[in-house]
Structure formats: structure tokens, C-alpha cells
Protein backbone atom coordinates (compact mmCIF):
# COMPACT_ATOMS: atom_id res chain seq x y z
CA UNK A 1 -41.33 74.95 -43.24
CA UNK A 2 -37.94 73.28 -43.07
CA UNK A 3 -38.74 71.54 -39.77
CA UNK A 4 -41.74 69.81 -41.37
CA UNK A 5 -39.63 68.47 -44.22
CA UNK A 6 -36.99 67.15 -41.84
CA UNK A 7 -39.63 65.74 -39.53
CA UNK A 8 -41.39 63.98 -42.38
CA UNK A 9 -38.06 62.63 -43.63
CA UNK A 10 -37.19 61.24 -40.21
CA UNK A 11 -40.59 59.58 -39.91
CA UNK A 12 -40.30 58.14 -43.43
CA UNK A 13 -36.81 56.85 -42.61
CA UNK A 14 -38.00 55.14 -39.43
CA UNK A 15 -40.89 53.54 -41.27
CA UNK A 16 -38.50 52.29 -43.95
CA UNK A 17 -36.10 50.84 -41.36
CA UNK A 18 -38.90 49.13 -39.45
CA UNK A 19 -40.63 47.85 -42.56
CA UNK A 20 -37.43 46.90 -44.36
CA UNK A 21 -36.02 45.03 -41.41
CA UNK A 22 -32.55 46.53 -41.31
CA UNK A 23 -31.31 43.54 -39.35
CA UNK A 24 -33.60 44.28 -36.42
CA UNK A 25 -35.82 41.54 -35.07
CA UNK A 26 -39.47 42.34 -34.57
CA UNK A 27 -40.42 42.56 -30.91
CA UNK A 28 -41.74 39.30 -29.53
CA UNK A 29 -45.29 39.11 -28.30
CA UNK A 30 -45.48 38.93 -24.52
CA UNK A 31 -45.96 35.41 -23.16
CA UNK A 32 -49.49 34.47 -22.26
CA UNK A 33 -50.79 32.70 -19.22
CA UNK A 34 -51.57 29.10 -20.09
CA UNK A 35 -52.65 25.91 -18.40
CA UNK A 36 -54.25 22.82 -19.88
CA UNK A 37 -57.79 21.58 -19.37
CA UNK A 38 -56.29 18.29 -18.14
CA UNK A 39 -54.35 20.16 -15.44
CA UNK A 40 -57.52 21.92 -14.31
CA UNK A 41 -59.49 18.64 -14.24
CA UNK A 42 -56.76 17.02 -12.14
CA UNK A 43 -56.77 20.11 -9.91
CA UNK A 44 -60.53 19.74 -9.40
CA UNK A 45 -59.93 16.24 -8.05
CA UNK A 46 -57.22 17.47 -5.66
CA UNK A 47 -59.48 20.34 -4.59
CA UNK A 48 -62.38 17.98 -3.82
CA UNK A 49 -60.21 15.86 -1.53
CA UNK A 50 -57.84 18.40 0.04
CA UNK A 51 -59.51 21.83 -0.10
CA UNK A 52 -63.30 21.71 -0.34
CA UNK A 53 -63.79 20.91 3.33
CA UNK A 54 -62.47 24.39 4.21
CA UNK A 55 -63.03 26.53 1.10
CA UNK A 56 -66.40 25.06 0.15
CA UNK A 57 -67.57 22.72 -2.56
CA UNK A 58 -67.85 25.60 -5.05
CA UNK A 59 -64.86 27.63 -3.76
CA UNK A 60 -67.28 29.97 -2.02
CA UNK A 61 -65.32 30.17 1.24
CA UNK A 62 -66.69 30.48 4.77
CA UNK A 63 -66.40 32.96 7.60
CA UNK A 64 -62.98 31.49 8.43
CA UNK A 65 -61.59 30.80 4.95
CA UNK A 66 -61.55 32.96 1.84
CA UNK A 67 -63.43 32.22 -1.34
CA UNK A 68 -61.05 31.22 -4.12
CA UNK A 69 -62.89 33.13 -6.81
CA UNK A 70 -63.26 36.84 -7.41
CA UNK A 71 -61.36 38.94 -4.91
CA UNK A 72 -58.90 36.15 -4.06
CA UNK A 73 -57.46 35.97 -7.58
CA UNK A 74 -57.73 39.73 -8.09
CA UNK A 75 -55.44 40.09 -5.06
CA UNK A 76 -52.85 37.87 -6.81
CA UNK A 77 -53.00 39.94 -10.04
CA UNK A 78 -49.69 41.49 -11.02
CA UNK A 79 -47.63 38.84 -9.25
CA UNK A 80 -45.90 35.94 -11.01
CA UNK A 81 -48.30 33.04 -11.50
CA UNK A 82 -45.65 30.69 -10.05
CA UNK A 83 -46.04 32.40 -6.66
CA UNK A 84 -49.49 30.84 -6.23
CA UNK A 85 -48.50 27.14 -6.48
CA UNK A 86 -45.42 27.92 -4.36
CA UNK A 87 -47.71 29.36 -1.68
CA UNK A 88 -50.16 26.46 -1.91
CA UNK A 89 -47.37 23.88 -1.59
CA UNK A 90 -45.88 25.69 1.41
CA UNK A 91 -48.98 26.74 3.36
CA UNK A 92 -51.94 24.56 2.39
CA UNK A 93 -54.00 22.82 3.49
CA UNK A 94 -54.20 24.76 6.72
CA UNK A 95 -54.45 21.59 8.84
CA UNK A 96 -51.38 20.05 7.12
CA UNK A 97 -49.24 22.82 5.60
CA UNK A 98 -46.57 21.61 3.20
CA UNK A 99 -48.31 18.31 2.49
CA UNK A 100 -49.26 19.16 -1.11
CA UNK A 101 -46.77 18.08 -3.75
CA UNK A 102 -45.53 20.61 -6.27
CA UNK A 103 -47.57 18.91 -9.01
CA UNK A 104 -50.72 19.01 -6.88
CA UNK A 105 -50.18 22.72 -6.23
CA UNK A 106 -49.75 23.44 -9.96
CA UNK A 107 -52.92 21.47 -10.76
CA UNK A 108 -54.82 23.33 -8.04
CA UNK A 109 -53.61 26.61 -9.49
CA UNK A 110 -54.89 25.58 -12.94
CA UNK A 111 -58.26 24.71 -11.39
CA UNK A 112 -58.40 28.06 -9.56
CA UNK A 113 -57.54 29.89 -12.78
CA UNK A 114 -60.27 28.00 -14.64
CA UNK A 115 -62.84 28.76 -11.92
CA UNK A 116 -61.97 32.45 -12.25
CA UNK A 117 -62.58 32.59 -16.00
CA UNK A 118 -59.05 32.26 -17.36
CA UNK A 119 -59.16 30.18 -20.55
CA UNK A 120 -57.21 26.93 -20.86
CA UNK A 121 -54.54 26.73 -23.53
CA UNK A 122 -52.22 24.25 -25.16
CA UNK A 123 -49.18 24.91 -22.96
CA UNK A 124 -49.19 23.43 -19.45
CA UNK A 125 -48.73 25.68 -16.46
CA UNK A 126 -45.36 25.27 -14.78
CA UNK A 127 -44.45 25.63 -11.11
CA UNK A 128 -41.90 28.34 -11.88
CA UNK A 129 -44.16 30.39 -14.18
CA UNK A 130 -42.88 33.98 -14.17
CA UNK A 131 -45.72 35.51 -16.19
CA UNK A 132 -47.57 38.06 -14.09
CA UNK A 133 -51.15 37.08 -13.41
CA UNK A 134 -53.48 39.45 -15.25
CA UNK A 135 -56.69 40.66 -13.67
CA UNK A 136 -59.35 38.00 -14.05
CA UNK A 137 -61.67 38.36 -17.02
CA UNK A 138 -65.13 39.64 -16.18
CA UNK A 139 -67.53 36.84 -15.41
CA UNK A 140 -70.74 37.32 -17.33
CA UNK A 141 -73.84 36.04 -15.61
CA UNK A 142 -76.04 33.80 -17.80
CA UNK A 143 -79.20 35.41 -19.11
CA UNK A 144 -82.39 34.32 -17.42
């Protein structure tokens, strides 16, 4: 019987401390992945000129190059988003690695994110983004 009273008192005390704000700051919400629609639109233009000839007009890939939707982004999940533009700037396009500027690589990343169902936001994507890429949202096929 005594343990229940003490246990209830401890719980009540914790609730009071958390609710009363005994000088403790509330935990911050985790940062969210964000890129702007303008970044994605600019990335689509870079993609059309520098990437589509190998990865396909609709990012579908070929026998020699991977598709940039679906499994590609799922493989990047859990890694910092900034790793993707860093990779693109260093290794792409395959026929001229290192020829993309940092800004082009960030815009391409925004376009790839958009094509994989990640929603645009108000905050632009940065090259050094340390937020881990979440698994892509499920893509729902349109009803026919």
C-alpha cells in the first residue's frame, strides 16, 4: 500500500515539475527536412541538361544507370541529407565528375527529393544539411 502512495506522489511531482516549468526548457522539436519549390524547379532544369541523358527523362534509369526514384532514395535514408549533394558535386555527371557546382548539386537534390514525394517547405535546403534523410513517403498511385 505504501509503495503505491509513494509512486503516485513521485508521478504527481514529475507532472507538476514538467507542467510548472521549474526552469527547464521544453524539448525542441526535431528539425525537419526542407527544400523550396524554387530549388526543385531549378534542379529540374539542371537535371534536364546534365543528368537526363544517363538517368532518363523521368529519372527511370537504364541498365547502366540507376533510377533516381524509389530504391535510390531509400538507400540514402538514415544518412545526412547533405551527403547527397556532396556526392553529386564530387562524382556526377559520370562523364565529367566534379563539374557540378555546389549550388547545382543542392538544386538537384531538391529535385530528387520532390520526385520521391518529399514535400517542399519554406526553408531552403543547404549543402551542409545534417538532418538524416527519412524514408520516402509512400507514393500513392492515382485512381483509374
